[in-house]
Amino acid sequence: MKPFRNIIVNCCWIALLLFFASCGAPQRYWPQEDIIGSETARPVGSEVVLIASRSSDFKKLLVAKLHEQLAAVGLAQKTIGVEGLAQVDSTDYAAVVVINTCLAWGLDHNVQTFLDRQEKDENIIILTTSGKGAWLPDKGERDFDAISAASTMTSVDKVAQNIMAGIQSRLQYERPKPKN
């Protein structure tokens, strides 16, 4: 009876390890593709909003809408892929918008690493797309904005407006001027 019990216990341990390994596997082994970067000319004295995004039809259209809205209010933009966040200090920008996908019930690994490195995060807005658009990251004691959305093309305008409202409200706070 004891050998049979050991087999059952070992199988349970293996199943548990496989379950936890599979939760992170999609991020590590099948990462999403990054968006192609772009940048608008920065008028003297204007502030720059950094947009970091993965690539999908929804995310590309959302970034294009954000570019239009930022230009309309006189803000310059720089767009990079999420992989580029490894070199970003959020204090270099007026606002940082990160557009990612909920993977395995969590933030993209690169986004989480970026957030963990930041000493100040009050100018960061994280948009996470998920199946029904209801998943939000655990903010803990941090002050970044968290927005969720489903990746439906009919919601792009509304999501872009929500992000712009977040950018504009974040720009109202007293903060250090971005570095040149």
C-alpha atoms as a PDB file:
ATOM      1  CA  MET A   1       0.000   0.000   0.000  1.00  0.00           C
ATOM      2  CA  LYS A   2       2.862   2.385   0.818  1.00  0.00           C
ATOM      3  CA  PRO A   3       4.491   2.212  -2.669  1.00  0.00           C
ATOM      4  CA  PHE A   4       1.115   2.987  -4.265  1.00  0.00           C
ATOM      5  CA  ARG A   5       0.704   6.008  -1.964  1.00  0.00           C
ATOM      6  CA  ASN A   6       4.203   7.243  -2.887  1.00  0.00           C
ATOM      7  CA  ILE A   7       3.338   6.990  -6.567  1.00  0.00           C
ATOM      8  CA  ILE A   8       0.156   9.006  -6.036  1.00  0.00           C
ATOM      9  CA  VAL A   9       1.991  11.670  -3.995  1.00  0.00           C
ATOM     10  CA  ASN A  10       4.760  11.931  -6.611  1.00  0.00           C
ATOM     11  CA  CYS A  11       2.212  12.208  -9.414  1.00  0.00           C
ATOM     12  CA  CYS A  12       0.468  15.017  -7.524  1.00  0.00           C
ATOM     13  CA  TRP A  13       3.756  16.864  -7.101  1.00  0.00           C
ATOM     14  CA  ILE A  14       4.570  16.475 -10.789  1.00  0.00           C
ATOM     15  CA  ALA A  15       1.091  17.665 -11.783  1.00  0.00           C
ATOM     16  CA  LEU A  16       1.422  20.680  -9.488  1.00  0.00           C
ATOM     17  CA  LEU A  17       4.844  21.572 -10.910  1.00  0.00           C
ATOM     18  CA  LEU A  18       3.558  21.239 -14.466  1.00  0.00           C
ATOM     19  CA  PHE A  19       0.596  23.459 -13.643  1.00  0.00           C
ATOM     20  CA  PHE A  20       2.775  26.248 -12.237  1.00  0.00           C
ATOM     21  CA  ALA A  21       5.288  25.923 -15.046  1.00  0.00           C
ATOM     22  CA  SER A  22       2.526  26.138 -17.650  1.00  0.00           C
ATOM     23  CA  CYS A  23       1.211  29.395 -16.171  1.00  0.00           C
ATOM     24  CA  GLY A  24       4.431  31.205 -17.050  1.00  0.00           C
ATOM     25  CA  ALA A  25       5.321  29.233 -20.162  1.00  0.00           C
ATOM     26  CA  PRO A  26       3.292  31.264 -22.665  1.00  0.00           C
ATOM     27  CA  GLN A  27       5.187  34.434 -21.720  1.00  0.00           C
ATOM     28  CA  ARG A  28       8.605  32.797 -21.856  1.00  0.00           C
ATOM     29  CA  TYR A  29       8.297  30.524 -24.866  1.00  0.00           C
ATOM     30  CA  TRP A  30       5.678  32.212 -27.056  1.00  0.00           C
ATOM     31  CA  PRO A  31       6.042  35.936 -26.380  1.00  0.00           C
ATOM     32  CA  GLN A  32       3.941  38.376 -28.326  1.00  0.00           C
ATOM     33  CA  GLU A  33       5.520  40.427 -31.063  1.00  0.00           C
ATOM     34  CA  ASP A  34       6.425  44.055 -30.317  1.00  0.00           C
ATOM     35  CA  ILE A  35       4.995  47.019 -32.177  1.00  0.00           C
ATOM     36  CA  ILE A  36       7.305  48.879 -34.552  1.00  0.00           C
ATOM     37  CA  GLY A  37       8.677  52.018 -32.893  1.00  0.00           C
ATOM     38  CA  SER A  38       8.060  55.584 -33.990  1.00  0.00           C
ATOM     39  CA  GLU A  39       8.625  59.102 -32.742  1.00  0.00           C
ATOM     40  CA  THR A  40       7.224  62.535 -33.499  1.00  0.00           C
ATOM     41  CA  ALA A  41       9.409  65.587 -33.725  1.00  0.00           C
ATOM     42  CA  ARG A  42       9.553  67.246 -30.348  1.00  0.00           C
ATOM     43  CA  PRO A  43       8.777  70.948 -30.432  1.00  0.00           C
ATOM     44  CA  VAL A  44      10.900  72.990 -28.040  1.00  0.00           C
ATOM     45  CA  GLY A  45       9.452  72.828 -24.552  1.00  0.00           C
ATOM     46  CA  SER A  46       6.902  70.128 -25.342  1.00  0.00           C
ATOM     47  CA  GLU A  47       6.507  67.073 -23.186  1.00  0.00           C
ATOM     48  CA  VAL A  48       6.911  63.532 -24.487  1.00  0.00           C
ATOM     49  CA  VAL A  49       4.584  60.630 -23.805  1.00  0.00           C
ATOM     50  CA  LEU A  50       6.165  57.209 -24.154  1.00  0.00           C
ATOM     51  CA  ILE A  51       3.956  54.416 -25.478  1.00  0.00           C
ATOM     52  CA  ALA A  52       5.220  50.839 -25.142  1.00  0.00           C
ATOM     53  CA  SER A  53       3.090  48.204 -26.816  1.00  0.00           C
ATOM     54  CA  ARG A  54       2.901  44.699 -28.114  1.00  0.00           C
ATOM     55  CA  SER A  55       1.610  44.218 -31.654  1.00  0.00           C
ATOM     56  CA  SER A  56      -1.877  43.164 -32.692  1.00  0.00           C
ATOM     57  CA  ASP A  57      -4.462  44.765 -34.959  1.00  0.00           C
ATOM     58  CA  PHE A  58      -6.236  46.201 -31.901  1.00  0.00           C
ATOM     59  CA  LYS A  59      -3.043  47.549 -30.328  1.00  0.00           C
ATOM     60  CA  LYS A  60      -1.799  49.087 -33.604  1.00  0.00           C
ATOM     61  CA  LEU A  61      -5.104  50.901 -34.110  1.00  0.00           C
ATOM     62  CA  LEU A  62      -5.129  52.020 -30.466  1.00  0.00           C
ATOM     63  CA  VAL A  63      -1.593  53.416 -30.752  1.00  0.00           C
ATOM     64  CA  ALA A  64      -2.553  55.250 -33.968  1.00  0.00           C
ATOM     65  CA  LYS A  65      -5.560  56.806 -32.180  1.00  0.00           C
ATOM     66  CA  LEU A  66      -3.340  57.832 -29.260  1.00  0.00           C
ATOM     67  CA  HIS A  67      -0.857  59.439 -31.691  1.00  0.00           C
ATOM     68  CA  GLU A  68      -3.694  61.526 -33.170  1.00  0.00           C
ATOM     69  CA  GLN A  69      -4.999  62.594 -29.773  1.00  0.00           C
ATOM     70  CA  LEU A  70      -1.537  63.417 -28.406  1.00  0.00           C
ATOM     71  CA  ALA A  71      -0.764  65.540 -31.468  1.00  0.00           C
ATOM     72  CA  ALA A  72      -4.100  67.356 -31.065  1.00  0.00           C
ATOM     73  CA  VAL A  73      -3.118  68.513 -27.558  1.00  0.00           C
ATOM     74  CA  GLY A  74       0.481  69.349 -28.502  1.00  0.00           C
ATOM     75  CA  LEU A  75       2.251  66.414 -26.862  1.00  0.00           C
ATOM     76  CA  ALA A  76       5.077  64.599 -28.608  1.00  0.00           C
ATOM     77  CA  GLN A  77       5.144  60.800 -28.548  1.00  0.00           C
ATOM     78  CA  LYS A  78       7.705  58.056 -28.703  1.00  0.00           C
ATOM     79  CA  THR A  79       6.516  54.507 -29.333  1.00  0.00           C
ATOM     80  CA  ILE A  80       8.568  51.431 -28.523  1.00  0.00           C
ATOM     81  CA  GLY A  81       7.964  47.724 -28.125  1.00  0.00           C
ATOM     82  CA  VAL A  82       7.475  46.285 -24.656  1.00  0.00           C
ATOM     83  CA  GLU A  83      10.939  44.679 -24.859  1.00  0.00           C
ATOM     84  CA  GLY A  84      12.365  48.230 -24.946  1.00  0.00           C
ATOM     85  CA  LEU A  85      11.063  48.928 -21.432  1.00  0.00           C
ATOM     86  CA  ALA A  86      14.264  47.349 -20.090  1.00  0.00           C
ATOM     87  CA  GLN A  87      16.070  50.636 -20.858  1.00  0.00           C
ATOM     88  CA  VAL A  88      13.308  53.041 -19.763  1.00  0.00           C
ATOM     89  CA  ASP A  89      13.222  55.271 -16.700  1.00  0.00           C
ATOM     90  CA  SER A  90       9.673  56.589 -16.337  1.00  0.00           C
ATOM     91  CA  THR A  91      10.909  59.937 -14.983  1.00  0.00           C
ATOM     92  CA  ASP A  92      12.335  60.724 -18.431  1.00  0.00           C
ATOM     93  CA  TYR A  93       8.787  61.166 -19.774  1.00  0.00           C
ATOM     94  CA  ALA A  94       5.695  63.194 -18.979  1.00  0.00           C
ATOM     95  CA  ALA A  95       3.695  59.956 -19.032  1.00  0.00           C
ATOM     96  CA  VAL A  96       4.365  56.329 -19.878  1.00  0.00           C
ATOM     97  CA  VAL A  97       1.585  54.231 -21.404  1.00  0.00           C
ATOM     98  CA  VAL A  98       2.175  50.484 -21.509  1.00  0.00           C
ATOM     99  CA  ILE A  99      -0.182  48.374 -23.618  1.00  0.00           C
ATOM    100  CA  ASN A 100       0.129  44.682 -22.861  1.00  0.00           C
ATOM    101  CA  THR A 101      -1.874  41.477 -22.651  1.00  0.00           C
ATOM    102  CA  CYS A 102      -2.851  39.428 -19.625  1.00  0.00           C
ATOM    103  CA  LEU A 103      -0.853  36.230 -19.969  1.00  0.00           C
ATOM    104  CA  ALA A 104      -1.362  33.304 -17.613  1.00  0.00           C
ATOM    105  CA  TRP A 105      -3.374  35.498 -15.227  1.00  0.00           C
ATOM    106  CA  GLY A 106      -0.575  38.034 -14.873  1.00  0.00           C
ATOM    107  CA  LEU A 107       1.222  40.973 -16.402  1.00  0.00           C
ATOM    108  CA  ASP A 108       3.658  40.471 -19.221  1.00  0.00           C
ATOM    109  CA  HIS A 109       7.012  39.583 -17.604  1.00  0.00           C
ATOM    110  CA  ASN A 110       8.724  42.602 -19.219  1.00  0.00           C
ATOM    111  CA  VAL A 111       6.031  44.954 -17.913  1.00  0.00           C
ATOM    112  CA  GLN A 112       6.282  43.544 -14.391  1.00  0.00           C
ATOM    113  CA  THR A 113      10.070  43.911 -14.452  1.00  0.00           C
ATOM    114  CA  PHE A 114       9.709  47.510 -15.665  1.00  0.00           C
ATOM    115  CA  LEU A 115       7.258  48.365 -12.876  1.00  0.00           C
ATOM    116  CA  ASP A 116       9.438  46.725 -10.244  1.00  0.00           C
ATOM    117  CA  ARG A 117      12.434  48.870 -11.314  1.00  0.00           C
ATOM    118  CA  GLN A 118      10.651  52.220 -11.089  1.00  0.00           C
ATOM    119  CA  GLU A 119      11.128  54.321  -7.969  1.00  0.00           C
ATOM    120  CA  LYS A 120       8.202  56.546  -8.954  1.00  0.00           C
ATOM    121  CA  ASP A 121       5.232  55.322 -10.916  1.00  0.00           C
ATOM    122  CA  GLU A 122       2.614  58.059 -10.718  1.00  0.00           C
ATOM    123  CA  ASN A 123       3.084  58.926 -14.409  1.00  0.00           C
ATOM    124  CA  ILE A 124       2.582  55.316 -15.605  1.00  0.00           C
ATOM    125  CA  ILE A 125      -0.615  53.995 -17.170  1.00  0.00           C
ATOM    126  CA  ILE A 126      -0.914  50.253 -17.764  1.00  0.00           C
ATOM    127  CA  LEU A 127      -3.556  49.040 -20.216  1.00  0.00           C
ATOM    128  CA  THR A 128      -3.981  45.286 -20.077  1.00  0.00           C
ATOM    129  CA  THR A 129      -6.094  43.535 -22.651  1.00  0.00           C
ATOM    130  CA  SER A 130      -7.759  40.307 -21.608  1.00  0.00           C
ATOM    131  CA  GLY A 131     -10.551  38.063 -22.855  1.00  0.00           C
ATOM    132  CA  LYS A 132     -13.488  39.976 -21.399  1.00  0.00           C
ATOM    133  CA  GLY A 133     -11.474  43.055 -20.504  1.00  0.00           C
ATOM    134  CA  ALA A 134     -11.923  42.685 -16.764  1.00  0.00           C
ATOM    135  CA  TRP A 135      -8.460  41.634 -15.527  1.00  0.00           C
ATOM    136  CA  LEU A 136      -6.444  44.259 -13.616  1.00  0.00           C
ATOM    137  CA  PRO A 137      -2.958  43.846 -12.146  1.00  0.00           C
ATOM    138  CA  ASP A 138      -2.381  43.912  -8.416  1.00  0.00           C
ATOM    139  CA  LYS A 139      -1.118  47.436  -7.718  1.00  0.00           C
ATOM    140  CA  GLY A 140      -0.041  46.860  -4.141  1.00  0.00           C
ATOM    141  CA  GLU A 141       1.133  50.202  -2.739  1.00  0.00           C
ATOM    142  CA  ARG A 142       2.014  51.594  -6.159  1.00  0.00           C
ATOM    143  CA  ASP A 143       0.356  54.598  -7.797  1.00  0.00           C
ATOM    144  CA  PHE A 144       0.211  53.690 -11.500  1.00  0.00           C
ATOM    145  CA  ASP A 145      -3.113  53.772 -13.351  1.00  0.00           C
ATOM    146  CA  ALA A 146      -4.464  50.366 -14.338  1.00  0.00           C
ATOM    147  CA  ILE A 147      -6.994  50.070 -17.153  1.00  0.00           C
ATOM    148  CA  SER A 148      -8.362  46.884 -18.683  1.00  0.00           C
ATOM    149  CA  ALA A 149     -10.074  46.305 -21.996  1.00  0.00           C
ATOM    150  CA  ALA A 150     -11.144  43.562 -24.351  1.00  0.00           C
ATOM    151  CA  SER A 151      -9.368  43.612 -27.726  1.00  0.00           C
ATOM    152  CA  THR A 152     -12.445  44.498 -29.750  1.00  0.00           C
ATOM    153  CA  MET A 153     -12.088  46.937 -32.607  1.00  0.00           C
ATOM    154  CA  THR A 154     -15.391  48.594 -31.725  1.00  0.00           C
ATOM    155  CA  SER A 155     -13.958  49.689 -28.357  1.00  0.00           C
ATOM    156  CA  VAL A 156     -10.748  51.305 -29.643  1.00  0.00           C
ATOM    157  CA  ASP A 157     -12.067  54.881 -29.543  1.00  0.00           C
ATOM    158  CA  LYS A 158     -13.396  54.520 -26.004  1.00  0.00           C
ATOM    159  CA  VAL A 159     -10.163  52.908 -24.766  1.00  0.00           C
ATOM    160  CA  ALA A 160      -8.085  55.662 -26.410  1.00  0.00           C
ATOM    161  CA  GLN A 161     -10.253  58.302 -24.713  1.00  0.00           C
ATOM    162  CA  ASN A 162      -9.814  56.582 -21.332  1.00  0.00           C
ATOM    163  CA  ILE A 163      -6.054  56.507 -21.761  1.00  0.00           C
ATOM    164  CA  MET A 164      -5.962  60.171 -22.850  1.00  0.00           C
ATOM    165  CA  ALA A 165      -8.022  61.118 -19.796  1.00  0.00           C
ATOM    166  CA  GLY A 166      -5.465  59.283 -17.663  1.00  0.00           C
ATOM    167  CA  ILE A 167      -2.569  61.053 -19.381  1.00  0.00           C
ATOM    168  CA  GLN A 168      -4.174  64.453 -18.940  1.00  0.00           C
ATOM    169  CA  SER A 169      -4.985  63.835 -15.282  1.00  0.00           C
ATOM    170  CA  ARG A 170      -1.422  62.615 -14.662  1.00  0.00           C
ATOM    171  CA  LEU A 171      -0.024  65.754 -16.279  1.00  0.00           C
ATOM    172  CA  GLN A 172      -1.872  67.877 -13.711  1.00  0.00           C
ATOM    173  CA  TYR A 173       0.260  66.505 -10.857  1.00  0.00           C
ATOM    174  CA  GLU A 174       3.410  68.276  -9.744  1.00  0.00           C
ATOM    175  CA  ARG A 175       6.318  66.238 -11.090  1.00  0.00           C
ATOM    176  CA  PRO A 176       9.920  66.742 -12.106  1.00  0.00           C
ATOM    177  CA  LYS A 177      10.473  68.017 -15.637  1.00  0.00           C
ATOM    178  CA  PRO A 178      11.489  65.288 -18.108  1.00  0.00           C
ATOM    179  CA  LYS A 179      15.206  65.094 -18.920  1.00  0.00           C
ATOM    180  CA  ASN A 180      16.266  66.292 -22.360  1.00  0.00           C
END
